[in-house]
Amino acid sequence: MSSSRHGSGEVRASHILIKYEGSRRKSSWKDPEGYVIKNTTRESAVAQLKAMQADIVSGKVTFEDIASRYSDCNSAKRGGDLGSFGHGRMQKPFEDATFALNVGEMSDIVETESGVHIIKRTK
């Protein structure tokens, strides 16, 4: 039984992740000791993402630029690009939100064990 890697069951997405003191892993590429993350509340993380989202929507900055500079995920080095993935590869809330988006569309704030995200579906 073979499955096509780029069949209709896969999407491609980028994201911006902000971790906070309740996140599963409290360190990131830009905060290896986790000092900032341990002192960031969920409310503060959500507020940061909302401000970033407003700047993206207004055209002040690109999604990729914000992801490169501020995302707590290693995908920041690729402008937030996570590549292609199918069902069962990501945490359920992230997967559900991504599959619900149209290509080119940006999500509202999505919460997972990793932190809070804004997702942009790219394929």
Protein backbone atom coordinates (compact mmCIF):
# COMPACT_ATOMS: atom_id res chain seq x y z
CA MET A 1 0.00 0.00 0.00
CA SER A 2 1.76 3.15 -1.15
CA SER A 3 0.71 6.69 -0.39
CA SER A 4 1.55 9.73 -2.48
CA ARG A 5 3.73 12.21 -0.66
CA HIS A 6 1.99 15.16 -2.23
CA GLY A 7 -1.53 13.83 -2.35
CA SER A 8 -4.57 15.70 -1.09
CA GLY A 9 -3.78 14.46 2.41
CA GLU A 10 -0.85 16.83 2.81
CA VAL A 11 -0.54 20.54 3.41
CA ARG A 12 2.42 22.87 3.71
CA ALA A 13 2.52 25.59 6.31
CA SER A 14 4.67 28.15 8.06
CA HIS A 15 4.15 29.34 11.59
CA ILE A 16 5.23 31.79 14.24
CA LEU A 17 5.54 30.21 17.69
CA ILE A 18 5.74 32.10 20.96
CA LYS A 19 6.53 29.92 23.97
CA TYR A 20 5.55 30.87 27.52
CA GLU A 21 6.07 29.56 31.03
CA GLY A 22 3.42 26.84 30.56
CA SER A 23 4.90 25.51 27.30
CA ARG A 24 6.14 21.95 26.98
CA ARG A 25 9.79 22.94 26.36
CA LYS A 26 10.94 26.16 27.96
CA SER A 27 13.87 26.95 25.68
CA SER A 28 14.39 27.81 22.05
CA TRP A 29 17.09 28.63 19.53
CA LYS A 30 16.97 32.29 20.55
CA ASP A 31 16.53 31.66 24.27
CA PRO A 32 18.60 28.51 24.97
CA GLU A 33 18.51 28.99 28.73
CA GLY A 34 14.79 29.75 28.67
CA TYR A 35 15.10 32.97 30.70
CA VAL A 36 12.65 34.94 28.57
CA ILE A 37 10.23 32.04 28.11
CA LYS A 38 10.08 31.27 31.85
CA ASN A 39 9.12 34.91 32.45
CA THR A 40 6.52 35.12 29.68
CA THR A 41 2.88 34.55 30.62
CA ARG A 42 0.37 32.98 28.24
CA GLU A 43 -1.43 36.34 28.09
CA SER A 44 1.79 38.12 27.14
CA ALA A 45 2.57 35.53 24.44
CA VAL A 46 -0.94 35.94 22.96
CA ALA A 47 -0.61 39.75 23.06
CA GLN A 48 2.74 39.56 21.24
CA LEU A 49 1.24 37.34 18.54
CA LYS A 50 -1.80 39.61 18.10
CA ALA A 51 0.50 42.61 17.58
CA MET A 52 2.58 40.65 15.05
CA GLN A 53 -0.57 39.50 13.26
CA ALA A 54 -1.81 43.10 13.02
CA ASP A 55 1.51 44.19 11.50
CA ILE A 56 1.37 41.36 8.94
CA VAL A 57 -2.25 42.10 8.00
CA SER A 58 -1.52 45.83 7.63
CA GLY A 59 1.38 45.05 5.28
CA LYS A 60 4.05 46.62 7.52
CA VAL A 61 5.99 43.36 7.60
CA THR A 62 5.86 39.95 5.98
CA PHE A 63 4.90 36.77 7.80
CA GLU A 64 8.32 35.32 6.92
CA ASP A 65 10.21 38.30 8.34
CA ILE A 66 8.35 38.16 11.65
CA ALA A 67 8.84 34.37 11.83
CA SER A 68 12.59 34.71 11.15
CA ARG A 69 13.05 37.26 13.89
CA TYR A 70 10.60 36.28 16.62
CA SER A 71 9.46 32.66 16.34
CA ASP A 72 10.65 30.33 19.10
CA CYS A 73 10.71 27.42 16.61
CA ASN A 74 13.82 26.36 14.70
CA SER A 75 11.73 26.83 11.53
CA ALA A 76 12.44 30.57 12.04
CA LYS A 77 15.63 29.98 10.03
CA ARG A 78 13.36 29.17 7.06
CA GLY A 79 10.91 32.03 7.60
CA GLY A 80 8.70 29.73 9.65
CA ASP A 81 8.38 27.05 6.94
CA LEU A 82 7.56 23.62 8.39
CA GLY A 83 7.46 21.89 5.01
CA SER A 84 4.70 19.49 3.99
CA PHE A 85 2.90 17.23 6.43
CA GLY A 86 -0.10 14.95 6.55
CA HIS A 87 -2.57 13.97 9.23
CA GLY A 88 -1.11 12.70 12.50
CA ARG A 89 2.24 14.51 12.21
CA MET A 90 1.48 17.65 14.25
CA GLN A 91 -0.30 18.28 17.53
CA LYS A 92 -4.05 17.99 16.92
CA PRO A 93 -5.03 21.68 17.40
CA PHE A 94 -2.23 22.73 15.00
CA GLU A 95 -3.20 20.12 12.43
CA ASP A 96 -6.91 20.96 12.61
CA ALA A 97 -6.24 24.69 12.20
CA THR A 98 -3.86 24.16 9.26
CA PHE A 99 -6.16 21.84 7.33
CA ALA A 100 -9.05 24.30 7.87
CA LEU A 101 -7.14 27.15 6.17
CA ASN A 102 -7.16 27.95 2.47
CA VAL A 103 -3.77 28.28 0.76
CA GLY A 104 -2.37 31.75 1.51
CA GLU A 105 -4.64 32.22 4.53
CA MET A 106 -3.39 32.97 8.05
CA SER A 107 -4.94 31.48 11.17
CA ASP A 108 -6.04 33.18 14.31
CA ILE A 109 -4.13 32.22 17.46
CA VAL A 110 -3.78 28.46 17.91
CA GLU A 111 -2.69 26.98 21.22
CA THR A 112 -0.76 23.71 21.59
CA GLU A 113 1.48 22.18 24.25
CA SER A 114 4.39 23.92 22.51
CA GLY A 115 2.96 27.43 22.97
CA VAL A 116 0.81 29.78 20.90
CA HIS A 117 1.07 29.99 17.12
CA ILE A 118 -0.11 31.85 14.06
CA ILE A 119 -0.15 29.52 11.06
CA LYS A 120 -0.01 30.39 7.38
CA ARG A 121 -0.97 27.66 4.95
CA THR A 122 1.30 27.79 1.91
CA LYS A 123 0.20 24.71 -0.07
